[in-house]
Amino acid sequence: MYAIIATGGKQYKVAVGDIIDVEKLDLAINDTVTFDVLLLGGEDGVKAGTPLVEGAKVEGKVLEHGKGKKIVIFKYKAKKGYRRKSGHRQPFTRIEITAFS
């Protein structure tokens, strides 16, 4: 059984036991979080919501918070001596999917 959930402006395909990195959530470690379900799939077929599947929820547990891999941003203009280098590390929350309900 799998589900499509939405959080942080993105959609994720999850199953029980999966570990996913989502946009940072303001929750403490070991807190539980509930997601709404956009699509629910299993052995008996697929059930799509309009926009959400009625009564379906996905529960997860917050494992940790962290920062992603650094992305380097480099700007320059040819023959002008203009160079700028900066970087960015996107914060994330790691969640383990525990149950469907």
C-alpha atoms as a PDB file:
ATOM      1  CA  MET A   1       0.000   0.000   0.000  1.00  0.00           C
ATOM      2  CA  TYR A   2       1.254   3.479  -0.833  1.00  0.00           C
ATOM      3  CA  ALA A   3       0.030   7.055  -0.640  1.00  0.00           C
ATOM      4  CA  ILE A   4       0.820  10.397  -2.244  1.00  0.00           C
ATOM      5  CA  ILE A   5       1.094  13.180   0.346  1.00  0.00           C
ATOM      6  CA  ALA A   6       1.764  16.901  -0.004  1.00  0.00           C
ATOM      7  CA  THR A   7       3.895  19.042   2.293  1.00  0.00           C
ATOM      8  CA  GLY A   8       6.102  22.062   1.756  1.00  0.00           C
ATOM      9  CA  GLY A   9       4.786  22.619  -1.770  1.00  0.00           C
ATOM     10  CA  LYS A  10       5.971  19.191  -2.926  1.00  0.00           C
ATOM     11  CA  GLN A  11       4.377  15.770  -3.292  1.00  0.00           C
ATOM     12  CA  TYR A  12       5.878  12.507  -2.018  1.00  0.00           C
ATOM     13  CA  LYS A  13       5.062   8.854  -2.671  1.00  0.00           C
ATOM     14  CA  VAL A  14       5.310   7.042   0.672  1.00  0.00           C
ATOM     15  CA  ALA A  15       4.739   3.615   2.191  1.00  0.00           C
ATOM     16  CA  VAL A  16       4.894   2.456   5.819  1.00  0.00           C
ATOM     17  CA  GLY A  17       8.518   2.395   6.976  1.00  0.00           C
ATOM     18  CA  ASP A  18       9.797   4.923   4.432  1.00  0.00           C
ATOM     19  CA  ILE A  19      12.115   7.704   5.554  1.00  0.00           C
ATOM     20  CA  ILE A  20      11.719  10.991   3.665  1.00  0.00           C
ATOM     21  CA  ASP A  21      13.295  14.446   3.852  1.00  0.00           C
ATOM     22  CA  VAL A  22      10.711  17.246   3.657  1.00  0.00           C
ATOM     23  CA  GLU A  23      10.919  21.022   3.910  1.00  0.00           C
ATOM     24  CA  LYS A  24      11.667  22.046   7.491  1.00  0.00           C
ATOM     25  CA  LEU A  25       8.734  21.666   9.910  1.00  0.00           C
ATOM     26  CA  ASP A  26       8.574  23.423  13.295  1.00  0.00           C
ATOM     27  CA  LEU A  27       8.283  20.246  15.363  1.00  0.00           C
ATOM     28  CA  ALA A  28      10.473  18.657  18.017  1.00  0.00           C
ATOM     29  CA  ILE A  29      12.276  15.353  17.523  1.00  0.00           C
ATOM     30  CA  ASN A  30      10.025  12.306  18.214  1.00  0.00           C
ATOM     31  CA  ASP A  31       6.854  14.370  17.629  1.00  0.00           C
ATOM     32  CA  THR A  32       4.183  12.855  15.401  1.00  0.00           C
ATOM     33  CA  VAL A  33       2.966  14.617  12.289  1.00  0.00           C
ATOM     34  CA  THR A  34      -0.159  13.938  10.207  1.00  0.00           C
ATOM     35  CA  PHE A  35      -0.374  14.474   6.458  1.00  0.00           C
ATOM     36  CA  ASP A  36      -3.439  14.658   4.220  1.00  0.00           C
ATOM     37  CA  VAL A  37      -3.600  12.088   1.418  1.00  0.00           C
ATOM     38  CA  LEU A  38      -3.978  13.084  -2.248  1.00  0.00           C
ATOM     39  CA  LEU A  39      -3.982   9.545  -3.657  1.00  0.00           C
ATOM     40  CA  LEU A  40      -4.147   6.127  -2.033  1.00  0.00           C
ATOM     41  CA  GLY A  41      -3.036   2.984  -3.857  1.00  0.00           C
ATOM     42  CA  GLY A  42      -3.016  -0.668  -2.946  1.00  0.00           C
ATOM     43  CA  GLU A  43      -3.898  -4.179  -4.069  1.00  0.00           C
ATOM     44  CA  ASP A  44      -7.573  -3.258  -4.541  1.00  0.00           C
ATOM     45  CA  GLY A  45      -6.824  -0.355  -6.894  1.00  0.00           C
ATOM     46  CA  VAL A  46      -6.205   3.353  -6.703  1.00  0.00           C
ATOM     47  CA  LYS A  47      -8.370   5.895  -4.925  1.00  0.00           C
ATOM     48  CA  ALA A  48      -7.808   9.504  -5.978  1.00  0.00           C
ATOM     49  CA  GLY A  49      -9.034  12.461  -3.972  1.00  0.00           C
ATOM     50  CA  THR A  50     -10.704  15.643  -5.157  1.00  0.00           C
ATOM     51  CA  PRO A  51      -8.376  17.155  -3.909  1.00  0.00           C
ATOM     52  CA  LEU A  52      -8.021  14.947  -0.781  1.00  0.00           C
ATOM     53  CA  VAL A  53      -9.075  11.370  -0.077  1.00  0.00           C
ATOM     54  CA  GLU A  54     -11.883  11.488   2.507  1.00  0.00           C
ATOM     55  CA  GLY A  55     -10.882  10.155   5.922  1.00  0.00           C
ATOM     56  CA  ALA A  56      -7.385   9.065   4.891  1.00  0.00           C
ATOM     57  CA  LYS A  57      -4.370  10.234   6.881  1.00  0.00           C
ATOM     58  CA  VAL A  58      -0.672   9.357   6.947  1.00  0.00           C
ATOM     59  CA  GLU A  59       1.184   9.524  10.250  1.00  0.00           C
ATOM     60  CA  GLY A  60       4.909   9.988  10.672  1.00  0.00           C
ATOM     61  CA  LYS A  61       7.528  10.508  13.367  1.00  0.00           C
ATOM     62  CA  VAL A  62      10.157  13.265  13.260  1.00  0.00           C
ATOM     63  CA  LEU A  63      13.624  11.689  13.332  1.00  0.00           C
ATOM     64  CA  GLU A  64      15.917  14.707  12.955  1.00  0.00           C
ATOM     65  CA  HIS A  65      16.451  18.170  11.529  1.00  0.00           C
ATOM     66  CA  GLY A  66      19.399  19.056   9.337  1.00  0.00           C
ATOM     67  CA  LYS A  67      20.751  20.899   6.341  1.00  0.00           C
ATOM     68  CA  GLY A  68      21.115  19.536   2.823  1.00  0.00           C
ATOM     69  CA  LYS A  69      24.192  19.441   0.645  1.00  0.00           C
ATOM     70  CA  LYS A  70      25.684  22.841  -0.207  1.00  0.00           C
ATOM     71  CA  ILE A  71      24.723  24.382  -3.526  1.00  0.00           C
ATOM     72  CA  VAL A  72      27.297  26.833  -4.925  1.00  0.00           C
ATOM     73  CA  ILE A  73      26.042  29.995  -6.617  1.00  0.00           C
ATOM     74  CA  PHE A  74      28.610  31.773  -8.796  1.00  0.00           C
ATOM     75  CA  LYS A  75      27.881  34.946 -10.772  1.00  0.00           C
ATOM     76  CA  TYR A  76      30.259  36.752 -13.066  1.00  0.00           C
ATOM     77  CA  LYS A  77      30.305  39.177 -15.957  1.00  0.00           C
ATOM     78  CA  ALA A  78      32.892  38.678 -18.672  1.00  0.00           C
ATOM     79  CA  LYS A  79      35.643  41.307 -18.989  1.00  0.00           C
ATOM     80  CA  LYS A  80      34.271  43.428 -16.130  1.00  0.00           C
ATOM     81  CA  GLY A  81      35.999  41.932 -13.067  1.00  0.00           C
ATOM     82  CA  TYR A  82      32.646  41.123 -11.440  1.00  0.00           C
ATOM     83  CA  ARG A  83      32.648  37.837  -9.534  1.00  0.00           C
ATOM     84  CA  ARG A  84      30.407  36.720  -6.658  1.00  0.00           C
ATOM     85  CA  LYS A  85      30.460  33.309  -5.011  1.00  0.00           C
ATOM     86  CA  SER A  86      27.963  32.247  -2.377  1.00  0.00           C
ATOM     87  CA  GLY A  87      26.352  29.045  -1.197  1.00  0.00           C
ATOM     88  CA  HIS A  88      23.104  27.734   0.223  1.00  0.00           C
ATOM     89  CA  ARG A  89      22.150  24.752   2.394  1.00  0.00           C
ATOM     90  CA  GLN A  90      18.419  24.046   2.524  1.00  0.00           C
ATOM     91  CA  PRO A  91      17.083  23.019   5.957  1.00  0.00           C
ATOM     92  CA  PHE A  92      15.057  19.799   6.086  1.00  0.00           C
ATOM     93  CA  THR A  93      13.171  17.542   8.486  1.00  0.00           C
ATOM     94  CA  ARG A  94      13.664  13.756   8.247  1.00  0.00           C
ATOM     95  CA  ILE A  95      10.435  11.839   8.851  1.00  0.00           C
ATOM     96  CA  GLU A  96       9.700   8.121   9.182  1.00  0.00           C
ATOM     97  CA  ILE A  97       6.264   7.060   7.959  1.00  0.00           C
ATOM     98  CA  THR A  98       4.654   4.978  10.715  1.00  0.00           C
ATOM     99  CA  ALA A  99       1.024   4.309   9.771  1.00  0.00           C
ATOM    100  CA  PHE A 100      -1.888   4.885   7.398  1.00  0.00           C
ATOM    101  CA  SER A 101      -5.343   5.494   8.795  1.00  0.00           C
END
